[in-house]
């Protein structure tokens, strides 16, 4: 559910930026910068959190899994 909400919020962001660009409120560089910023805000943090929590962590001596965090 959270992923669907983030996708819908991202599409709303892009639609708003596109509308403001089409209406002449934003220049091309501003619209492209805001589109790139949307990737950082909506896409990048999730992939980092998923990678960090999706791996097993091992104890140095026994190499036994400590579980998911």
PDB file of N, CA and C in Angstrom:
ATOM      1  N   UNK A   1       0.817  -1.192   0.000  1.00  0.00           N
ATOM      2  CA  UNK A   1       0.000   0.000   0.000  1.00  0.00           C
ATOM      3  C   UNK A   1       0.861   1.257   0.000  1.00  0.00           C
ATOM      4  N   UNK A   2       1.957   1.207   0.758  1.00  0.00           N
ATOM      5  CA  UNK A   2       2.830   2.380   0.826  1.00  0.00           C
ATOM      6  C   UNK A   2       3.487   2.643  -0.527  1.00  0.00           C
ATOM      7  N   UNK A   3       3.824   1.578  -1.241  1.00  0.00           N
ATOM      8  CA  UNK A   3       4.459   1.751  -2.549  1.00  0.00           C
ATOM      9  C   UNK A   3       3.470   2.370  -3.531  1.00  0.00           C
ATOM     10  N   UNK A   4       2.235   1.897  -3.514  1.00  0.00           N
ATOM     11  CA  UNK A   4       1.209   2.463  -4.394  1.00  0.00           C
ATOM     12  C   UNK A   4       0.990   3.942  -4.081  1.00  0.00           C
ATOM     13  N   UNK A   5       0.953   4.294  -2.802  1.00  0.00           N
ATOM     14  CA  UNK A   5       0.777   5.689  -2.407  1.00  0.00           C
ATOM     15  C   UNK A   5       1.942   6.545  -2.899  1.00  0.00           C
ATOM     16  N   UNK A   6       3.172   6.034  -2.781  1.00  0.00           N
ATOM     17  CA  UNK A   6       4.343   6.790  -3.244  1.00  0.00           C
ATOM     18  C   UNK A   6       4.308   6.978  -4.758  1.00  0.00           C
ATOM     19  N   UNK A   7       3.874   5.952  -5.491  1.00  0.00           N
ATOM     20  CA  UNK A   7       3.784   6.064  -6.949  1.00  0.00           C
ATOM     21  C   UNK A   7       2.735   7.096  -7.336  1.00  0.00           C
ATOM     22  N   UNK A   8       1.580   7.056  -6.676  1.00  0.00           N
ATOM     23  CA  UNK A   8       0.526   8.031  -6.978  1.00  0.00           C
ATOM     24  C   UNK A   8       0.957   9.450  -6.621  1.00  0.00           C
ATOM     25  N   UNK A   9       1.656   9.605  -5.515  1.00  0.00           N
ATOM     26  CA  UNK A   9       2.155  10.919  -5.124  1.00  0.00           C
ATOM     27  C   UNK A   9       3.200  11.416  -6.114  1.00  0.00           C
ATOM     28  N   UNK A  10       4.055  10.508  -6.594  1.00  0.00           N
ATOM     29  CA  UNK A  10       5.080  10.864  -7.586  1.00  0.00           C
ATOM     30  C   UNK A  10       4.428  11.296  -8.897  1.00  0.00           C
ATOM     31  N   UNK A  11       3.388  10.566  -9.333  1.00  0.00           N
ATOM     32  CA  UNK A  11       2.682  10.939 -10.560  1.00  0.00           C
ATOM     33  C   UNK A  11       1.979  12.287 -10.411  1.00  0.00           C
ATOM     34  N   UNK A  12       1.425  12.548  -9.236  1.00  0.00           N
ATOM     35  CA  UNK A  12       0.804  13.853  -8.990  1.00  0.00           C
ATOM     36  C   UNK A  12       1.847  14.963  -9.044  1.00  0.00           C
ATOM     37  N   UNK A  13       3.015  14.709  -8.476  1.00  0.00           N
ATOM     38  CA  UNK A  13       4.125  15.680  -8.516  1.00  0.00           C
ATOM     39  C   UNK A  13       4.497  15.980  -9.966  1.00  0.00           C
ATOM     40  N   UNK A  14       4.717  14.920 -10.752  1.00  0.00           N
ATOM     41  CA  UNK A  14       5.108  15.118 -12.151  1.00  0.00           C
ATOM     42  C   UNK A  14       4.011  15.809 -12.947  1.00  0.00           C
ATOM     43  N   UNK A  15       2.763  15.474 -12.676  1.00  0.00           N
ATOM     44  CA  UNK A  15       1.652  16.133 -13.371  1.00  0.00           C
ATOM     45  C   UNK A  15       1.591  17.615 -13.037  1.00  0.00           C
ATOM     46  N   UNK A  16       1.788  17.950 -11.778  1.00  0.00           N
ATOM     47  CA  UNK A  16       1.767  19.362 -11.376  1.00  0.00           C
ATOM     48  C   UNK A  16       2.917  20.127 -12.009  1.00  0.00           C
ATOM     49  N   UNK A  17       4.099  19.539 -12.004  1.00  0.00           N
ATOM     50  CA  UNK A  17       5.258  20.202 -12.628  1.00  0.00           C
ATOM     51  C   UNK A  17       5.019  20.367 -14.126  1.00  0.00           C
ATOM     52  N   UNK A  18       4.489  19.329 -14.770  1.00  0.00           N
ATOM     53  CA  UNK A  18       4.186  19.420 -16.198  1.00  0.00           C
ATOM     54  C   UNK A  18       3.139  20.467 -16.509  1.00  0.00           C
ATOM     55  N   UNK A  19       2.141  20.570 -15.645  1.00  0.00           N
ATOM     56  CA  UNK A  19       1.102  21.576 -15.857  1.00  0.00           C
ATOM     57  C   UNK A  19       1.664  22.983 -15.709  1.00  0.00           C
ATOM     58  N   UNK A  20       2.473  23.204 -14.658  1.00  0.00           N
ATOM     59  CA  UNK A  20       3.082  24.526 -14.467  1.00  0.00           C
ATOM     60  C   UNK A  20       4.026  24.873 -15.615  1.00  0.00           C
ATOM     61  N   UNK A  21       4.744  23.869 -16.140  1.00  0.00           N
ATOM     62  CA  UNK A  21       5.631  24.111 -17.286  1.00  0.00           C
ATOM     63  C   UNK A  21       4.802  24.474 -18.519  1.00  0.00           C
ATOM     64  N   UNK A  22       3.721  23.725 -18.738  1.00  0.00           N
ATOM     65  CA  UNK A  22       2.860  23.976 -19.890  1.00  0.00           C
ATOM     66  C   UNK A  22       2.188  25.349 -19.789  1.00  0.00           C
ATOM     67  N   UNK A  23       1.843  25.778 -18.588  1.00  0.00           N
ATOM     68  CA  UNK A  23       1.207  27.079 -18.377  1.00  0.00           C
ATOM     69  C   UNK A  23       2.206  28.228 -18.440  1.00  0.00           C
ATOM     70  N   UNK A  24       3.483  27.912 -18.506  1.00  0.00           N
ATOM     71  CA  UNK A  24       4.497  28.950 -18.604  1.00  0.00           C
ATOM     72  C   UNK A  24       4.982  29.486 -17.266  1.00  0.00           C
ATOM     73  N   UNK A  25       4.598  28.846 -16.179  1.00  0.00           N
ATOM     74  CA  UNK A  25       5.035  29.291 -14.848  1.00  0.00           C
ATOM     75  C   UNK A  25       6.453  28.825 -14.536  1.00  0.00           C
ATOM     76  N   UNK A  26       6.847  27.676 -15.074  1.00  0.00           N
ATOM     77  CA  UNK A  26       8.195  27.137 -14.881  1.00  0.00           C
ATOM     78  C   UNK A  26       8.913  27.118 -16.214  1.00  0.00           C
ATOM     79  N   UNK A  27      10.218  27.371 -16.177  1.00  0.00           N
ATOM     80  CA  UNK A  27      11.032  27.208 -17.367  1.00  0.00           C
ATOM     81  C   UNK A  27      11.392  25.738 -17.550  1.00  0.00           C
ATOM     82  N   UNK A  28      12.037  25.450 -18.671  1.00  0.00           N
ATOM     83  CA  UNK A  28      12.405  24.064 -18.957  1.00  0.00           C
ATOM     84  C   UNK A  28      13.400  23.531 -17.939  1.00  0.00           C
ATOM     85  N   UNK A  29      14.402  24.335 -17.600  1.00  0.00           N
ATOM     86  CA  UNK A  29      15.411  23.883 -16.639  1.00  0.00           C
ATOM     87  C   UNK A  29      14.796  23.628 -15.263  1.00  0.00           C
ATOM     88  N   UNK A  30      13.896  24.493 -14.845  1.00  0.00           N
ATOM     89  CA  UNK A  30      13.237  24.311 -13.548  1.00  0.00           C
ATOM     90  C   UNK A  30      12.388  23.048 -13.545  1.00  0.00           C
ATOM     91  N   UNK A  31      11.649  22.822 -14.620  1.00  0.00           N
ATOM     92  CA  UNK A  31      10.804  21.626 -14.696  1.00  0.00           C
ATOM     93  C   UNK A  31      11.649  20.356 -14.682  1.00  0.00           C
ATOM     94  N   UNK A  32      12.756  20.350 -15.415  1.00  0.00           N
ATOM     95  CA  UNK A  32      13.631  19.174 -15.419  1.00  0.00           C
ATOM     96  C   UNK A  32      14.281  18.967 -14.055  1.00  0.00           C
ATOM     97  N   UNK A  33      14.676  20.062 -13.403  1.00  0.00           N
ATOM     98  CA  UNK A  33      15.276  19.948 -12.073  1.00  0.00           C
ATOM     99  C   UNK A  33      14.271  19.399 -11.061  1.00  0.00           C
ATOM    100  N   UNK A  34      13.028  19.852 -11.139  1.00  0.00           N
ATOM    101  CA  UNK A  34      12.003  19.342 -10.227  1.00  0.00           C
ATOM    102  C   UNK A  34      11.665  17.879 -10.519  1.00  0.00           C
ATOM    103  N   UNK A  35      11.714  17.489 -11.781  1.00  0.00           N
ATOM    104  CA  UNK A  35      11.489  16.079 -12.120  1.00  0.00           C
ATOM    105  C   UNK A  35      12.617  15.210 -11.568  1.00  0.00           C
ATOM    106  N   UNK A  36      13.861  15.690 -11.679  1.00  0.00           N
ATOM    107  CA  UNK A  36      14.991  14.948 -11.112  1.00  0.00           C
ATOM    108  C   UNK A  36      14.897  14.898  -9.587  1.00  0.00           C
ATOM    109  N   UNK A  37      14.478  15.998  -8.984  1.00  0.00           N
ATOM    110  CA  UNK A  37      14.305  16.025  -7.534  1.00  0.00           C
ATOM    111  C   UNK A  37      13.233  15.031  -7.093  1.00  0.00           C
ATOM    112  N   UNK A  38      12.216  14.850  -7.907  1.00  0.00           N
ATOM    113  CA  UNK A  38      11.159  13.901  -7.547  1.00  0.00           C
ATOM    114  C   UNK A  38      11.696  12.476  -7.476  1.00  0.00           C
ATOM    115  N   UNK A  39      12.665  12.144  -8.324  1.00  0.00           N
ATOM    116  CA  UNK A  39      13.272  10.814  -8.244  1.00  0.00           C
ATOM    117  C   UNK A  39      14.023  10.640  -6.934  1.00  0.00           C
ATOM    118  N   UNK A  40      14.718  11.689  -6.514  1.00  0.00           N
ATOM    119  CA  UNK A  40      15.450  11.619  -5.249  1.00  0.00           C
ATOM    120  C   UNK A  40      14.479  11.507  -4.075  1.00  0.00           C
ATOM    121  N   UNK A  41      13.400  12.268  -4.122  1.00  0.00           N
ATOM    122  CA  UNK A  41      12.452  12.295  -3.003  1.00  0.00           C
ATOM    123  C   UNK A  41      11.628  11.014  -2.930  1.00  0.00           C
ATOM    124  N   UNK A  42      11.164  10.506  -4.074  1.00  0.00           N
ATOM    125  CA  UNK A  42      10.215   9.396  -4.051  1.00  0.00           C
ATOM    126  C   UNK A  42      10.818   8.028  -4.355  1.00  0.00           C
ATOM    127  N   UNK A  43      11.860   7.941  -5.144  1.00  0.00           N
ATOM    128  CA  UNK A  43      12.367   6.636  -5.561  1.00  0.00           C
ATOM    129  C   UNK A  43      13.602   6.193  -4.790  1.00  0.00           C
ATOM    130  N   UNK A  44      14.552   7.079  -4.592  1.00  0.00           N
ATOM    131  CA  UNK A  44      15.835   6.694  -4.023  1.00  0.00           C
ATOM    132  C   UNK A  44      15.760   6.235  -2.574  1.00  0.00           C
ATOM    133  N   UNK A  45      15.087   6.936  -1.665  1.00  0.00           N
ATOM    134  CA  UNK A  45      15.087   6.498  -0.264  1.00  0.00           C
ATOM    135  C   UNK A  45      14.512   5.098  -0.050  1.00  0.00           C
ATOM    136  N   UNK A  46      13.534   4.705  -0.815  1.00  0.00           N
ATOM    137  CA  UNK A  46      12.932   3.383  -0.650  1.00  0.00           C
ATOM    138  C   UNK A  46      13.916   2.291  -1.027  1.00  0.00           C
ATOM    139  N   UNK A  47      14.664   2.476  -2.112  1.00  0.00           N
ATOM    140  CA  UNK A  47      15.598   1.443  -2.538  1.00  0.00           C
ATOM    141  C   UNK A  47      16.718   1.265  -1.524  1.00  0.00           C
ATOM    142  N   UNK A  48      17.157   2.343  -0.879  1.00  0.00           N
ATOM    143  CA  UNK A  48      18.205   2.235   0.137  1.00  0.00           C
ATOM    144  C   UNK A  48      17.679   1.491   1.358  1.00  0.00           C
ATOM    145  N   UNK A  49      16.493   1.831   1.812  1.00  0.00           N
ATOM    146  CA  UNK A  49      15.919   1.171   2.984  1.00  0.00           C
ATOM    147  C   UNK A  49      15.663  -0.304   2.707  1.00  0.00           C
ATOM    148  N   UNK A  50      15.203  -0.632   1.514  1.00  0.00           N
ATOM    149  CA  UNK A  50      14.926  -2.024   1.170  1.00  0.00           C
ATOM    150  C   UNK A  50      16.219  -2.831   1.158  1.00  0.00           C
ATOM    151  N   UNK A  51      17.292  -2.266   0.612  1.00  0.00           N
ATOM    152  CA  UNK A  51      18.564  -2.967   0.539  1.00  0.00           C
ATOM    153  C   UNK A  51      19.148  -3.161   1.939  1.00  0.00           C
ATOM    154  N   UNK A  52      19.047  -2.157   2.788  1.00  0.00           N
ATOM    155  CA  UNK A  52      19.627  -2.233   4.120  1.00  0.00           C
ATOM    156  C   UNK A  52      18.902  -3.259   4.983  1.00  0.00           C
ATOM    157  N   UNK A  53      17.587  -3.354   4.874  1.00  0.00           N
ATOM    158  CA  UNK A  53      16.829  -4.260   5.723  1.00  0.00           C
ATOM    159  C   UNK A  53      16.632  -5.633   5.098  1.00  0.00           C
ATOM    160  N   UNK A  54      17.014  -5.818   3.862  1.00  0.00           N
ATOM    161  CA  UNK A  54      16.776  -7.085   3.200  1.00  0.00           C
ATOM    162  C   UNK A  54      17.933  -8.056   3.258  1.00  0.00           C
ATOM    163  N   UNK A  55      19.015  -7.691   3.917  1.00  0.00           N
ATOM    164  CA  UNK A  55      20.177  -8.570   3.934  1.00  0.00           C
ATOM    165  C   UNK A  55      20.347  -9.196   5.314  1.00  0.00           C
ATOM    166  N   UNK A  56      20.949 -10.374   5.360  1.00  0.00           N
ATOM    167  CA  UNK A  56      21.264 -11.008   6.633  1.00  0.00           C
ATOM    168  C   UNK A  56      22.539 -10.394   7.187  1.00  0.00           C
ATOM    169  N   UNK A  57      22.592 -10.251   8.487  1.00  0.00           N
ATOM    170  CA  UNK A  57      23.802  -9.743   9.133  1.00  0.00           C
ATOM    171  C   UNK A  57      24.428 -10.908   9.907  1.00  0.00           C
ATOM    172  N   UNK A  58      25.749 -11.051   9.804  1.00  0.00           N
ATOM    173  CA  UNK A  58      26.437 -12.183  10.400  1.00  0.00           C
ATOM    174  C   UNK A  58      27.340 -11.740  11.544  1.00  0.00           C
ATOM    175  N   UNK A  59      27.449 -12.616  12.543  1.00  0.00           N
ATOM    176  CA  UNK A  59      28.382 -12.396  13.643  1.00  0.00           C
ATOM    177  C   UNK A  59      29.766 -12.766  13.135  1.00  0.00           C
ATOM    178  N   UNK A  60      30.792 -12.009  13.531  1.00  0.00           N
ATOM    179  CA  UNK A  60      32.142 -12.235  13.009  1.00  0.00           C
ATOM    180  C   UNK A  60      32.685 -13.621  13.336  1.00  0.00           C
ATOM    181  N   UNK A  61      32.553 -14.082  14.551  1.00  0.00           N
ATOM    182  CA  UNK A  61      33.194 -15.332  14.943  1.00  0.00           C
ATOM    183  C   UNK A  61      32.477 -16.559  14.384  1.00  0.00           C
ATOM    184  N   UNK A  62      31.202 -16.682  14.649  1.00  0.00           N
ATOM    185  CA  UNK A  62      30.507 -17.910  14.300  1.00  0.00           C
ATOM    186  C   UNK A  62      29.855 -17.904  12.938  1.00  0.00           C
ATOM    187  N   UNK A  63      29.778 -16.763  12.304  1.00  0.00           N
ATOM    188  CA  UNK A  63      29.134 -16.618  10.994  1.00  0.00           C
ATOM    189  C   UNK A  63      27.694 -17.115  11.015  1.00  0.00           C
ATOM    190  N   UNK A  64      27.013 -16.880  12.121  1.00  0.00           N
ATOM    191  CA  UNK A  64      25.614 -17.260  12.211  1.00  0.00           C
ATOM    192  C   UNK A  64      24.753 -16.027  11.992  1.00  0.00           C
ATOM    193  N   UNK A  65      23.638 -16.191  11.305  1.00  0.00           N
ATOM    194  CA  UNK A  65      22.784 -15.020  11.052  1.00  0.00           C
ATOM    195  C   UNK A  65      22.203 -14.465  12.350  1.00  0.00           C
ATOM    196  N   UNK A  66      22.192 -13.146  12.444  1.00  0.00           N
ATOM    197  CA  UNK A  66      21.617 -12.499  13.623  1.00  0.00           C
ATOM    198  C   UNK A  66      20.159 -12.140  13.395  1.00  0.00           C
ATOM    199  N   UNK A  67      19.663 -12.330  12.196  1.00  0.00           N
ATOM    200  CA  UNK A  67      18.260 -12.057  11.916  1.00  0.00           C
ATOM    201  C   UNK A  67      18.062 -10.785  11.121  1.00  0.00           C
ATOM    202  N   UNK A  68      16.818 -10.503  10.845  1.00  0.00           N
ATOM    203  CA  UNK A  68      16.458  -9.307  10.094  1.00  0.00           C
ATOM    204  C   UNK A  68      16.229  -8.153  11.053  1.00  0.00           C
ATOM    205  N   UNK A  69      16.579  -6.943  10.605  1.00  0.00           N
ATOM    206  CA  UNK A  69      16.387  -5.756  11.449  1.00  0.00           C
ATOM    207  C   UNK A  69      15.424  -4.818  10.799  1.00  0.00           C
TER     208      UNK A  69
END
